[in-house]
């Protein structure tokens, strides 16, 4: 089992950047596929980015490709999401999530953090 705690959210103007972190407890962080999701008001939660256990494979939603970068530091039990060129459509609560699956669908993620709010103003 793994516990996840996000941080780094906040308010930023359009065009700005933020870096989210997700600290994981436990000694098996490196065995989990990790992902970032987000949920905007009135919308369903959506996948943003994911990374394999090693960090060697990453994948992104089309809406964030070229702007967001997911990475992980297994020695620090931490997942990151670097977000650049933010726009108001990126406003949402961002969640990190973990799964044992090596090729997960969104519903395969079964460990979730509490979320961190990102607000982008125009």
Protein backbone atom coordinates (compact mmCIF):
# COMPACT_ATOMS: atom_id res chain seq x y z
CA UNK A 1 0.00 0.00 0.00
CA UNK A 2 1.15 3.56 -0.65
CA UNK A 3 0.00 6.92 0.71
CA UNK A 4 0.26 9.96 -1.53
CA UNK A 5 0.41 13.66 -0.65
CA UNK A 6 0.43 16.37 -3.31
CA UNK A 7 1.86 19.86 -2.95
CA UNK A 8 2.88 22.80 -5.10
CA UNK A 9 -0.47 24.00 -6.32
CA UNK A 10 -1.44 27.64 -6.30
CA UNK A 11 -2.44 30.62 -8.36
CA UNK A 12 -0.59 31.67 -11.49
CA UNK A 13 -1.19 33.96 -14.42
CA UNK A 14 -1.67 32.57 -17.91
CA UNK A 15 1.66 31.73 -19.46
CA UNK A 16 3.22 30.96 -16.11
CA UNK A 17 4.60 27.76 -14.64
CA UNK A 18 4.08 25.58 -11.59
CA UNK A 19 5.72 22.42 -10.36
CA UNK A 20 3.62 19.89 -8.49
CA UNK A 21 5.10 17.28 -6.20
CA UNK A 22 3.65 14.07 -4.86
CA UNK A 23 5.34 12.52 -1.86
CA UNK A 24 4.78 8.80 -1.39
CA UNK A 25 5.12 6.81 1.78
CA UNK A 26 6.35 3.26 1.92
CA UNK A 27 9.36 1.43 0.61
CA UNK A 28 7.84 0.21 -2.64
CA UNK A 29 7.27 3.48 -4.52
CA UNK A 30 9.53 2.35 -7.33
CA UNK A 31 7.27 -0.62 -8.03
CA UNK A 32 4.28 1.57 -8.92
CA UNK A 33 3.23 3.09 -12.18
CA UNK A 34 2.37 6.70 -11.34
CA UNK A 35 0.06 9.22 -12.88
CA UNK A 36 -1.36 12.72 -12.62
CA UNK A 37 -5.04 13.43 -13.07
CA UNK A 38 -7.10 16.59 -12.78
CA UNK A 39 -10.69 17.55 -12.21
CA UNK A 40 -12.12 20.94 -13.11
CA UNK A 41 -15.37 22.21 -11.60
CA UNK A 42 -18.36 20.54 -13.18
CA UNK A 43 -16.20 18.15 -15.19
CA UNK A 44 -15.13 14.56 -14.85
CA UNK A 45 -11.66 13.69 -13.65
CA UNK A 46 -9.27 13.29 -16.58
CA UNK A 47 -5.87 11.74 -17.12
CA UNK A 48 -3.00 14.20 -17.52
CA UNK A 49 0.27 12.27 -17.55
CA UNK A 50 1.76 8.94 -16.52
CA UNK A 51 5.13 7.34 -16.00
CA UNK A 52 6.45 3.83 -15.69
CA UNK A 53 8.09 2.57 -12.51
CA UNK A 54 11.53 3.60 -13.74
CA UNK A 55 10.49 6.89 -15.28
CA UNK A 56 11.78 5.65 -18.60
CA UNK A 57 8.37 5.72 -20.23
CA UNK A 58 6.08 8.71 -20.05
CA UNK A 59 2.77 9.51 -21.70
CA UNK A 60 0.53 12.55 -21.83
CA UNK A 61 -2.93 13.72 -22.65
CA UNK A 62 -2.99 15.59 -25.93
CA UNK A 63 -4.09 18.74 -24.14
CA UNK A 64 -0.82 19.00 -22.19
CA UNK A 65 1.76 17.53 -24.58
CA UNK A 66 4.70 19.85 -25.03
CA UNK A 67 3.75 21.91 -21.98
CA UNK A 68 3.79 19.46 -19.05
CA UNK A 69 6.54 17.07 -18.01
CA UNK A 70 6.11 14.18 -15.60
CA UNK A 71 9.11 12.80 -13.76
CA UNK A 72 9.93 10.80 -10.67
CA UNK A 73 12.76 10.40 -8.21
CA UNK A 74 12.53 6.92 -6.75
CA UNK A 75 15.30 7.64 -4.26
CA UNK A 76 13.13 10.42 -2.81
CA UNK A 77 9.80 8.62 -3.24
CA UNK A 78 8.52 11.63 -5.14
CA UNK A 79 6.59 12.23 -8.34
CA UNK A 80 6.65 15.57 -10.12
CA UNK A 81 4.64 17.45 -12.71
CA UNK A 82 6.29 20.46 -14.29
CA UNK A 83 3.62 22.62 -15.89
CA UNK A 84 4.62 25.37 -18.32
CA UNK A 85 2.64 27.73 -20.54
CA UNK A 86 -0.38 27.36 -18.30
CA UNK A 87 -3.73 28.60 -19.50
CA UNK A 88 -7.08 29.05 -17.73
CA UNK A 89 -8.29 25.69 -19.10
CA UNK A 90 -5.66 24.04 -16.88
CA UNK A 91 -7.47 25.24 -13.75
CA UNK A 92 -8.40 22.16 -11.73
CA UNK A 93 -7.64 20.07 -8.69
CA UNK A 94 -4.65 17.91 -9.55
CA UNK A 95 -4.27 14.42 -8.12
CA UNK A 96 -1.43 11.96 -8.18
CA UNK A 97 -2.27 8.30 -8.32
CA UNK A 98 -0.54 4.94 -8.23
CA UNK A 99 -1.17 1.49 -9.61
CA UNK A 100 0.64 -1.84 -9.75
CA UNK A 101 -0.48 -2.24 -13.34
CA UNK A 102 2.28 -1.77 -15.90
CA UNK A 103 -0.11 -0.71 -18.66
CA UNK A 104 -2.91 0.95 -16.75
CA UNK A 105 -6.18 2.38 -17.84
CA UNK A 106 -7.46 5.27 -15.75
CA UNK A 107 -9.65 2.94 -13.72
CA UNK A 108 -6.62 0.81 -12.76
CA UNK A 109 -5.25 3.53 -10.51
CA UNK A 110 -6.27 2.56 -7.00
CA UNK A 111 -4.23 4.81 -4.72
CA UNK A 112 -4.95 8.52 -4.73
CA UNK A 113 -3.74 11.66 -3.04
CA UNK A 114 -6.04 14.34 -1.66
CA UNK A 115 -5.38 16.75 -4.51
CA UNK A 116 -3.88 20.21 -4.88
CA UNK A 117 -5.65 23.18 -6.45
CA UNK A 118 -4.17 24.90 -9.49
CA UNK A 119 -5.78 28.15 -10.61
CA UNK A 120 -4.70 29.93 -13.77
CA UNK A 121 -6.00 33.43 -14.37
CA UNK A 122 -6.24 35.11 -17.75
